[in-house]
C-alpha cells in the first residue's frame, strides 16, 4: 500500500510539474520538481524493504544523484548547469552498473548489431550540437557517450529479466536519451527554448525515470518469476 501511494504521488506531482512547465509557471516548477525523485525513491525503498541486491543499491544511489541534478538545474548560471550535468553523469554511470549487475546474457551481447541505433543517435547528437557547444564540446560528448551507453545497456536486460520488466527499462532508457537530447539541442543546437519544449523534456524525463525504476525493481525482486530461456524468447520474436 505504501509503495503504491508513493508511485501515485509521483504520477500526480509529475503531471502538475508538466502543467507548470507548459504554462511557464516558475513557482509551480520550483514547488514540484524537487519532489519527484524523493517520491520515486520512496517507492523503491517501500518496494525493496530489507532486500537490497546490488542492482537496486546502484539504482538507489543513482536516484540520489538524479535528485541532486534536478536541484542544481533549478539554479541559474553556467556553474549550476555544469553541476547538474555532472550529477546526471554520475547517475548514468550508476544506472549502467545497476543494469550490468543483473545476471545473465541479454540481447545486446548476443546481437551486437542491436547497438547500431544507439550509435547513430550518439553521432547525430554530437554533430548537431558540436558547432554551438563551444567549451562544452568535450564534456558534452562524454556525457552523450555515457547516456547512450546507459540506454544500450538497458536493452541488454532483454533476455535477463521477464520481458515486461525488461522492456519497461528499455523504454525508460530510450526516453531518457530523448529528454537529454532535447536539452542539448536547445542549449547548443537548432532548437529554441519554449514552455512547450520544456514540457516535453520533463514529460519524457518523468516517464523515463518511472519506467527504469519500476521495471528494474520489479524484475530484480521477483525471483519466483522465471525468465524464459533464450530459445523460448527468440521463438516468440
C-alpha atoms as a PDB file:
ATOM      1  CA  UNK A   1       0.000   0.000   0.000  1.00  0.00           C
ATOM      2  CA  UNK A   2       2.808   2.429   0.914  1.00  0.00           C
ATOM      3  CA  UNK A   3       4.644   1.701  -2.322  1.00  0.00           C
ATOM      4  CA  UNK A   4       1.508   2.333  -4.379  1.00  0.00           C
ATOM      5  CA  UNK A   5       0.942   5.641  -2.565  1.00  0.00           C
ATOM      6  CA  UNK A   6       4.462   6.830  -3.408  1.00  0.00           C
ATOM      7  CA  UNK A   7       4.021   5.891  -7.071  1.00  0.00           C
ATOM      8  CA  UNK A   8       0.603   7.562  -7.284  1.00  0.00           C
ATOM      9  CA  UNK A   9       2.030  10.729  -5.730  1.00  0.00           C
ATOM     10  CA  UNK A  10       4.922  10.603  -8.216  1.00  0.00           C
ATOM     11  CA  UNK A  11       2.491  10.495 -11.134  1.00  0.00           C
ATOM     12  CA  UNK A  12       0.380  13.315  -9.693  1.00  0.00           C
ATOM     13  CA  UNK A  13       3.334  15.596  -8.992  1.00  0.00           C
ATOM     14  CA  UNK A  14       4.723  14.735 -12.418  1.00  0.00           C
ATOM     15  CA  UNK A  15       1.515  15.861 -14.113  1.00  0.00           C
ATOM     16  CA  UNK A  16       1.496  19.073 -12.079  1.00  0.00           C
ATOM     17  CA  UNK A  17       5.123  19.719 -12.999  1.00  0.00           C
ATOM     18  CA  UNK A  18       4.466  19.279 -16.716  1.00  0.00           C
ATOM     19  CA  UNK A  19       1.462  21.630 -16.496  1.00  0.00           C
ATOM     20  CA  UNK A  20       3.635  24.181 -14.687  1.00  0.00           C
ATOM     21  CA  UNK A  21       6.278  23.904 -17.415  1.00  0.00           C
ATOM     22  CA  UNK A  22       3.695  24.228 -20.159  1.00  0.00           C
ATOM     23  CA  UNK A  23       2.130  27.321 -18.603  1.00  0.00           C
ATOM     24  CA  UNK A  24       5.533  28.830 -17.732  1.00  0.00           C
ATOM     25  CA  UNK A  25       4.606  28.800 -14.040  1.00  0.00           C
ATOM     26  CA  UNK A  26       8.021  29.235 -12.407  1.00  0.00           C
ATOM     27  CA  UNK A  27       6.706  28.861  -8.853  1.00  0.00           C
ATOM     28  CA  UNK A  28       4.907  25.674  -9.825  1.00  0.00           C
ATOM     29  CA  UNK A  29       8.096  24.228 -11.295  1.00  0.00           C
ATOM     30  CA  UNK A  30      10.121  25.168  -8.210  1.00  0.00           C
ATOM     31  CA  UNK A  31       7.494  23.546  -5.996  1.00  0.00           C
ATOM     32  CA  UNK A  32       7.005  20.276  -7.878  1.00  0.00           C
ATOM     33  CA  UNK A  33      10.334  19.344  -9.439  1.00  0.00           C
ATOM     34  CA  UNK A  34      12.245  18.799  -6.151  1.00  0.00           C
ATOM     35  CA  UNK A  35       9.524  16.350  -5.025  1.00  0.00           C
ATOM     36  CA  UNK A  36       9.690  13.976  -7.979  1.00  0.00           C
ATOM     37  CA  UNK A  37      12.778  11.880  -7.284  1.00  0.00           C
ATOM     38  CA  UNK A  38      12.200  11.638  -3.493  1.00  0.00           C
ATOM     39  CA  UNK A  39       8.758  10.153  -4.209  1.00  0.00           C
ATOM     40  CA  UNK A  40      10.237   7.636  -6.656  1.00  0.00           C
ATOM     41  CA  UNK A  41      12.988   6.836  -4.159  1.00  0.00           C
ATOM     42  CA  UNK A  42      10.297   6.330  -1.520  1.00  0.00           C
ATOM     43  CA  UNK A  43       8.581   3.826  -3.813  1.00  0.00           C
ATOM     44  CA  UNK A  44      11.887   1.988  -4.276  1.00  0.00           C
ATOM     45  CA  UNK A  45      12.521   1.805  -0.519  1.00  0.00           C
ATOM     46  CA  UNK A  46       8.946   0.687   0.215  1.00  0.00           C
ATOM     47  CA  UNK A  47       9.123  -1.967  -2.510  1.00  0.00           C
ATOM     48  CA  UNK A  48      12.571  -3.307  -1.606  1.00  0.00           C
ATOM     49  CA  UNK A  49      12.039  -3.437   2.155  1.00  0.00           C
ATOM     50  CA  UNK A  50      15.067  -5.245   3.548  1.00  0.00           C
ATOM     51  CA  UNK A  51      16.022  -6.803   0.210  1.00  0.00           C
ATOM     52  CA  UNK A  52      18.714  -4.765  -1.498  1.00  0.00           C
ATOM     53  CA  UNK A  53      20.608  -6.719  -4.163  1.00  0.00           C
ATOM     54  CA  UNK A  54      23.452  -4.943  -5.936  1.00  0.00           C
ATOM     55  CA  UNK A  55      21.370  -3.646  -8.892  1.00  0.00           C
ATOM     56  CA  UNK A  56      18.985  -1.870  -6.531  1.00  0.00           C
ATOM     57  CA  UNK A  57      21.786  -0.384  -4.433  1.00  0.00           C
ATOM     58  CA  UNK A  58      23.288   1.166  -7.566  1.00  0.00           C
ATOM     59  CA  UNK A  59      19.835   2.251  -8.729  1.00  0.00           C
ATOM     60  CA  UNK A  60      19.059   3.892  -5.386  1.00  0.00           C
ATOM     61  CA  UNK A  61      22.329   5.807  -5.250  1.00  0.00           C
ATOM     62  CA  UNK A  62      21.774   6.829  -8.854  1.00  0.00           C
ATOM     63  CA  UNK A  63      18.403   8.285  -7.918  1.00  0.00           C
ATOM     64  CA  UNK A  64      20.047  10.410  -5.230  1.00  0.00           C
ATOM     65  CA  UNK A  65      22.401  11.873  -7.834  1.00  0.00           C
ATOM     66  CA  UNK A  66      19.412  12.453 -10.136  1.00  0.00           C
ATOM     67  CA  UNK A  67      17.765  14.430  -7.354  1.00  0.00           C
ATOM     68  CA  UNK A  68      20.931  16.491  -6.913  1.00  0.00           C
ATOM     69  CA  UNK A  69      20.954  17.107 -10.665  1.00  0.00           C
ATOM     70  CA  UNK A  70      17.344  18.274 -10.601  1.00  0.00           C
ATOM     71  CA  UNK A  71      18.105  20.718  -7.789  1.00  0.00           C
ATOM     72  CA  UNK A  72      21.229  22.083  -9.482  1.00  0.00           C
ATOM     73  CA  UNK A  73      19.390  22.610 -12.766  1.00  0.00           C
ATOM     74  CA  UNK A  74      16.771  24.680 -10.981  1.00  0.00           C
ATOM     75  CA  UNK A  75      19.523  27.222 -10.341  1.00  0.00           C
ATOM     76  CA  UNK A  76      20.834  29.777 -12.781  1.00  0.00           C
ATOM     77  CA  UNK A  77      24.205  30.250 -14.431  1.00  0.00           C
ATOM     78  CA  UNK A  78      26.857  28.065 -16.024  1.00  0.00           C
ATOM     79  CA  UNK A  79      28.147  26.708 -12.715  1.00  0.00           C
ATOM     80  CA  UNK A  80      24.775  25.296 -11.692  1.00  0.00           C
ATOM     81  CA  UNK A  81      24.292  23.856 -15.179  1.00  0.00           C
ATOM     82  CA  UNK A  82      27.682  22.123 -15.031  1.00  0.00           C
ATOM     83  CA  UNK A  83      26.974  20.735 -11.564  1.00  0.00           C
ATOM     84  CA  UNK A  84      23.632  19.430 -12.772  1.00  0.00           C
ATOM     85  CA  UNK A  85      25.189  17.715 -15.775  1.00  0.00           C
ATOM     86  CA  UNK A  86      27.925  16.230 -13.553  1.00  0.00           C
ATOM     87  CA  UNK A  87      25.325  14.828 -11.158  1.00  0.00           C
ATOM     88  CA  UNK A  88      23.389  13.248 -14.011  1.00  0.00           C
ATOM     89  CA  UNK A  89      26.599  11.849 -15.474  1.00  0.00           C
ATOM     90  CA  UNK A  90      27.235  10.006 -12.198  1.00  0.00           C
ATOM     91  CA  UNK A  91      23.609   8.841 -12.230  1.00  0.00           C
ATOM     92  CA  UNK A  92      24.024   7.427 -15.742  1.00  0.00           C
ATOM     93  CA  UNK A  93      27.153   5.515 -14.668  1.00  0.00           C
ATOM     94  CA  UNK A  94      25.334   4.089 -11.656  1.00  0.00           C
ATOM     95  CA  UNK A  95      22.412   3.023 -13.826  1.00  0.00           C
ATOM     96  CA  UNK A  96      24.854   1.234 -16.124  1.00  0.00           C
ATOM     97  CA  UNK A  97      26.314  -0.554 -13.085  1.00  0.00           C
ATOM     98  CA  UNK A  98      22.783  -1.477 -11.965  1.00  0.00           C
ATOM     99  CA  UNK A  99      21.885  -2.952 -15.364  1.00  0.00           C
ATOM    100  CA  UNK A 100      25.158  -4.848 -15.710  1.00  0.00           C
ATOM    101  CA  UNK A 101      24.733  -6.304 -12.214  1.00  0.00           C
ATOM    102  CA  UNK A 102      21.706  -8.312 -13.325  1.00  0.00           C
ATOM    103  CA  UNK A 103      22.983 -11.836 -14.096  1.00  0.00           C
ATOM    104  CA  UNK A 104      22.642 -13.443 -17.488  1.00  0.00           C
ATOM    105  CA  UNK A 105      23.317 -12.670 -21.134  1.00  0.00           C
ATOM    106  CA  UNK A 106      20.946 -10.364 -22.928  1.00  0.00           C
ATOM    107  CA  UNK A 107      20.025  -9.407 -26.460  1.00  0.00           C
ATOM    108  CA  UNK A 108      22.806  -6.862 -26.977  1.00  0.00           C
ATOM    109  CA  UNK A 109      25.620  -9.266 -26.192  1.00  0.00           C
ATOM    110  CA  UNK A 110      24.088 -11.903 -28.428  1.00  0.00           C
ATOM    111  CA  UNK A 111      23.225  -9.486 -31.242  1.00  0.00           C
ATOM    112  CA  UNK A 112      25.691  -6.542 -31.076  1.00  0.00           C
ATOM    113  CA  UNK A 113      24.088  -5.097 -34.217  1.00  0.00           C
ATOM    114  CA  UNK A 114      21.206  -4.018 -31.955  1.00  0.00           C
ATOM    115  CA  UNK A 115      23.506  -1.234 -30.703  1.00  0.00           C
ATOM    116  CA  UNK A 116      23.564   0.453 -34.128  1.00  0.00           C
ATOM    117  CA  UNK A 117      20.550   2.772 -33.489  1.00  0.00           C
ATOM    118  CA  UNK A 118      22.149   3.990 -30.267  1.00  0.00           C
ATOM    119  CA  UNK A 119      25.468   4.630 -32.010  1.00  0.00           C
ATOM    120  CA  UNK A 120      23.675   6.502 -34.796  1.00  0.00           C
ATOM    121  CA  UNK A 121      21.814   8.635 -32.267  1.00  0.00           C
ATOM    122  CA  UNK A 122      25.087   9.404 -30.491  1.00  0.00           C
ATOM    123  CA  UNK A 123      26.797  10.530 -33.687  1.00  0.00           C
ATOM    124  CA  UNK A 124      23.801  12.570 -34.815  1.00  0.00           C
ATOM    125  CA  UNK A 125      23.503  14.380 -31.498  1.00  0.00           C
ATOM    126  CA  UNK A 126      27.214  15.226 -31.388  1.00  0.00           C
ATOM    127  CA  UNK A 127      27.139  16.507 -34.973  1.00  0.00           C
ATOM    128  CA  UNK A 128      24.116  18.725 -34.298  1.00  0.00           C
ATOM    129  CA  UNK A 129      25.428  20.215 -31.050  1.00  0.00           C
ATOM    130  CA  UNK A 130      29.182  20.427 -31.744  1.00  0.00           C
ATOM    131  CA  UNK A 131      29.162  23.806 -33.538  1.00  0.00           C
ATOM    132  CA  UNK A 132      27.288  25.580 -30.752  1.00  0.00           C
ATOM    133  CA  UNK A 133      28.759  23.773 -27.750  1.00  0.00           C
ATOM    134  CA  UNK A 134      31.949  25.843 -27.534  1.00  0.00           C
ATOM    135  CA  UNK A 135      33.841  24.970 -24.360  1.00  0.00           C
ATOM    136  CA  UNK A 136      31.277  22.281 -23.569  1.00  0.00           C
ATOM    137  CA  UNK A 137      32.185  20.178 -26.595  1.00  0.00           C
ATOM    138  CA  UNK A 138      34.349  17.606 -24.826  1.00  0.00           C
ATOM    139  CA  UNK A 139      32.267  17.345 -21.608  1.00  0.00           C
ATOM    140  CA  UNK A 140      29.114  17.253 -23.705  1.00  0.00           C
ATOM    141  CA  UNK A 141      30.455  14.472 -25.911  1.00  0.00           C
ATOM    142  CA  UNK A 142      31.489  12.438 -22.864  1.00  0.00           C
ATOM    143  CA  UNK A 143      28.008  12.845 -21.416  1.00  0.00           C
ATOM    144  CA  UNK A 144      26.322  11.774 -24.660  1.00  0.00           C
ATOM    145  CA  UNK A 145      28.541   8.675 -24.868  1.00  0.00           C
ATOM    146  CA  UNK A 146      27.625   7.672 -21.306  1.00  0.00           C
ATOM    147  CA  UNK A 147      23.944   8.481 -21.898  1.00  0.00           C
ATOM    148  CA  UNK A 148      23.710   6.284 -24.980  1.00  0.00           C
ATOM    149  CA  UNK A 149      25.701   3.552 -23.234  1.00  0.00           C
ATOM    150  CA  UNK A 150      23.113   3.593 -20.449  1.00  0.00           C
ATOM    151  CA  UNK A 151      20.272   3.295 -22.959  1.00  0.00           C
ATOM    152  CA  UNK A 152      22.021   0.470 -24.847  1.00  0.00           C
ATOM    153  CA  UNK A 153      22.853  -1.359 -21.611  1.00  0.00           C
ATOM    154  CA  UNK A 154      19.165  -1.210 -20.724  1.00  0.00           C
ATOM    155  CA  UNK A 155      18.434  -3.054 -23.965  1.00  0.00           C
ATOM    156  CA  UNK A 156      20.707  -5.877 -22.816  1.00  0.00           C
ATOM    157  CA  UNK A 157      18.254  -6.609 -19.983  1.00  0.00           C
ATOM    158  CA  UNK A 158      16.005  -8.246 -22.589  1.00  0.00           C
ATOM    159  CA  UNK A 159      16.574 -11.955 -22.061  1.00  0.00           C
ATOM    160  CA  UNK A 160      17.766 -11.425 -18.466  1.00  0.00           C
ATOM    161  CA  UNK A 161      14.520 -10.180 -16.921  1.00  0.00           C
ATOM    162  CA  UNK A 162      10.969 -11.059 -17.772  1.00  0.00           C
ATOM    163  CA  UNK A 163      10.002  -9.244 -20.988  1.00  0.00           C
ATOM    164  CA  UNK A 164       7.501  -6.898 -19.319  1.00  0.00           C
ATOM    165  CA  UNK A 165      10.131  -5.713 -16.827  1.00  0.00           C
ATOM    166  CA  UNK A 166      12.995  -5.589 -19.322  1.00  0.00           C
ATOM    167  CA  UNK A 167      11.069  -3.606 -21.918  1.00  0.00           C
ATOM    168  CA  UNK A 168       9.981  -1.093 -19.301  1.00  0.00           C
ATOM    169  CA  UNK A 169      13.635  -0.355 -18.619  1.00  0.00           C
ATOM    170  CA  UNK A 170      14.460  -0.298 -22.343  1.00  0.00           C
ATOM    171  CA  UNK A 171      11.693   2.232 -22.970  1.00  0.00           C
ATOM    172  CA  UNK A 172      12.837   4.265 -19.968  1.00  0.00           C
ATOM    173  CA  UNK A 173      16.408   4.369 -21.214  1.00  0.00           C
ATOM    174  CA  UNK A 174      15.283   5.474 -24.657  1.00  0.00           C
ATOM    175  CA  UNK A 175      13.019   8.199 -23.272  1.00  0.00           C
ATOM    176  CA  UNK A 176      15.823   9.423 -21.023  1.00  0.00           C
ATOM    177  CA  UNK A 177      18.010   9.762 -24.116  1.00  0.00           C
ATOM    178  CA  UNK A 178      15.228  11.721 -25.854  1.00  0.00           C
ATOM    179  CA  UNK A 179      14.831  14.042 -22.848  1.00  0.00           C
ATOM    180  CA  UNK A 180      18.539  14.806 -22.580  1.00  0.00           C
ATOM    181  CA  UNK A 181      18.872  15.138 -26.352  1.00  0.00           C
ATOM    182  CA  UNK A 182      16.181  17.835 -26.319  1.00  0.00           C
ATOM    183  CA  UNK A 183      18.068  19.684 -23.580  1.00  0.00           C
ATOM    184  CA  UNK A 184      21.295  19.507 -25.594  1.00  0.00           C
ATOM    185  CA  UNK A 185      19.616  20.559 -28.836  1.00  0.00           C
ATOM    186  CA  UNK A 186      18.015  23.501 -27.051  1.00  0.00           C
ATOM    187  CA  UNK A 187      21.194  24.608 -25.302  1.00  0.00           C
ATOM    188  CA  UNK A 188      23.650  24.041 -28.164  1.00  0.00           C
ATOM    189  CA  UNK A 189      21.699  23.043 -31.250  1.00  0.00           C
ATOM    190  CA  UNK A 190      18.940  24.238 -33.573  1.00  0.00           C
ATOM    191  CA  UNK A 191      16.006  24.097 -31.142  1.00  0.00           C
ATOM    192  CA  UNK A 192      14.701  27.138 -29.298  1.00  0.00           C
ATOM    193  CA  UNK A 193      13.704  27.081 -25.656  1.00  0.00           C
ATOM    194  CA  UNK A 194       9.960  27.364 -25.054  1.00  0.00           C
ATOM    195  CA  UNK A 195       7.399  26.223 -22.494  1.00  0.00           C
ATOM    196  CA  UNK A 196       6.329  23.511 -24.918  1.00  0.00           C
ATOM    197  CA  UNK A 197       9.862  22.155 -25.269  1.00  0.00           C
ATOM    198  CA  UNK A 198      10.380  22.260 -21.507  1.00  0.00           C
ATOM    199  CA  UNK A 199       7.135  20.343 -21.002  1.00  0.00           C
ATOM    200  CA  UNK A 200       8.242  17.630 -23.428  1.00  0.00           C
ATOM    201  CA  UNK A 201      11.640  17.411 -21.709  1.00  0.00           C
ATOM    202  CA  UNK A 202      10.008  16.910 -18.329  1.00  0.00           C
ATOM    203  CA  UNK A 203       7.367  14.502 -19.622  1.00  0.00           C
ATOM    204  CA  UNK A 204       9.951  12.210 -21.166  1.00  0.00           C
ATOM    205  CA  UNK A 205      12.198  12.532 -18.090  1.00  0.00           C
ATOM    206  CA  UNK A 206       9.446  11.732 -15.584  1.00  0.00           C
ATOM    207  CA  UNK A 207       8.162   8.754 -17.580  1.00  0.00           C
ATOM    208  CA  UNK A 208      11.723   7.534 -18.185  1.00  0.00           C
ATOM    209  CA  UNK A 209      12.704   7.549 -14.524  1.00  0.00           C
ATOM    210  CA  UNK A 210       9.461   5.832 -13.562  1.00  0.00           C
ATOM    211  CA  UNK A 211       9.855   3.068 -16.146  1.00  0.00           C
ATOM    212  CA  UNK A 212      13.502   2.435 -15.277  1.00  0.00           C
ATOM    213  CA  UNK A 213      12.940   2.290 -11.525  1.00  0.00           C
ATOM    214  CA  UNK A 214       9.732   0.237 -11.634  1.00  0.00           C
ATOM    215  CA  UNK A 215      10.953  -2.132 -14.330  1.00  0.00           C
ATOM    216  CA  UNK A 216      14.317  -2.904 -12.778  1.00  0.00           C
ATOM    217  CA  UNK A 217      12.977  -3.127  -9.239  1.00  0.00           C
ATOM    218  CA  UNK A 218      10.156  -5.498 -10.083  1.00  0.00           C
ATOM    219  CA  UNK A 219      12.398  -7.546 -12.309  1.00  0.00           C
ATOM    220  CA  UNK A 220      15.096  -7.961  -9.677  1.00  0.00           C
ATOM    221  CA  UNK A 221      12.795  -8.545  -6.693  1.00  0.00           C
ATOM    222  CA  UNK A 222      10.760 -11.373  -8.194  1.00  0.00           C
ATOM    223  CA  UNK A 223      12.991 -14.476  -8.148  1.00  0.00           C
ATOM    224  CA  UNK A 224       9.906 -16.713  -8.263  1.00  0.00           C
ATOM    225  CA  UNK A 225       9.015 -15.299 -11.673  1.00  0.00           C
ATOM    226  CA  UNK A 226      11.207 -17.267 -14.037  1.00  0.00           C
ATOM    227  CA  UNK A 227      12.793 -15.582 -17.038  1.00  0.00           C
ATOM    228  CA  UNK A 228      12.134 -17.669 -20.167  1.00  0.00           C
ATOM    229  CA  UNK A 229      15.110 -19.432 -21.705  1.00  0.00           C
ATOM    230  CA  UNK A 230      16.776 -17.628 -24.572  1.00  0.00           C
ATOM    231  CA  UNK A 231      15.465 -20.212 -27.013  1.00  0.00           C
ATOM    232  CA  UNK A 232      11.861 -19.689 -25.925  1.00  0.00           C
ATOM    233  CA  UNK A 233      12.342 -15.936 -26.006  1.00  0.00           C
ATOM    234  CA  UNK A 234      13.685 -15.884 -29.573  1.00  0.00           C
ATOM    235  CA  UNK A 235      10.924 -18.191 -30.753  1.00  0.00           C
ATOM    236  CA  UNK A 236       8.453 -15.514 -29.803  1.00  0.00           C
ATOM    237  CA  UNK A 237      10.138 -12.813 -31.886  1.00  0.00           C
END
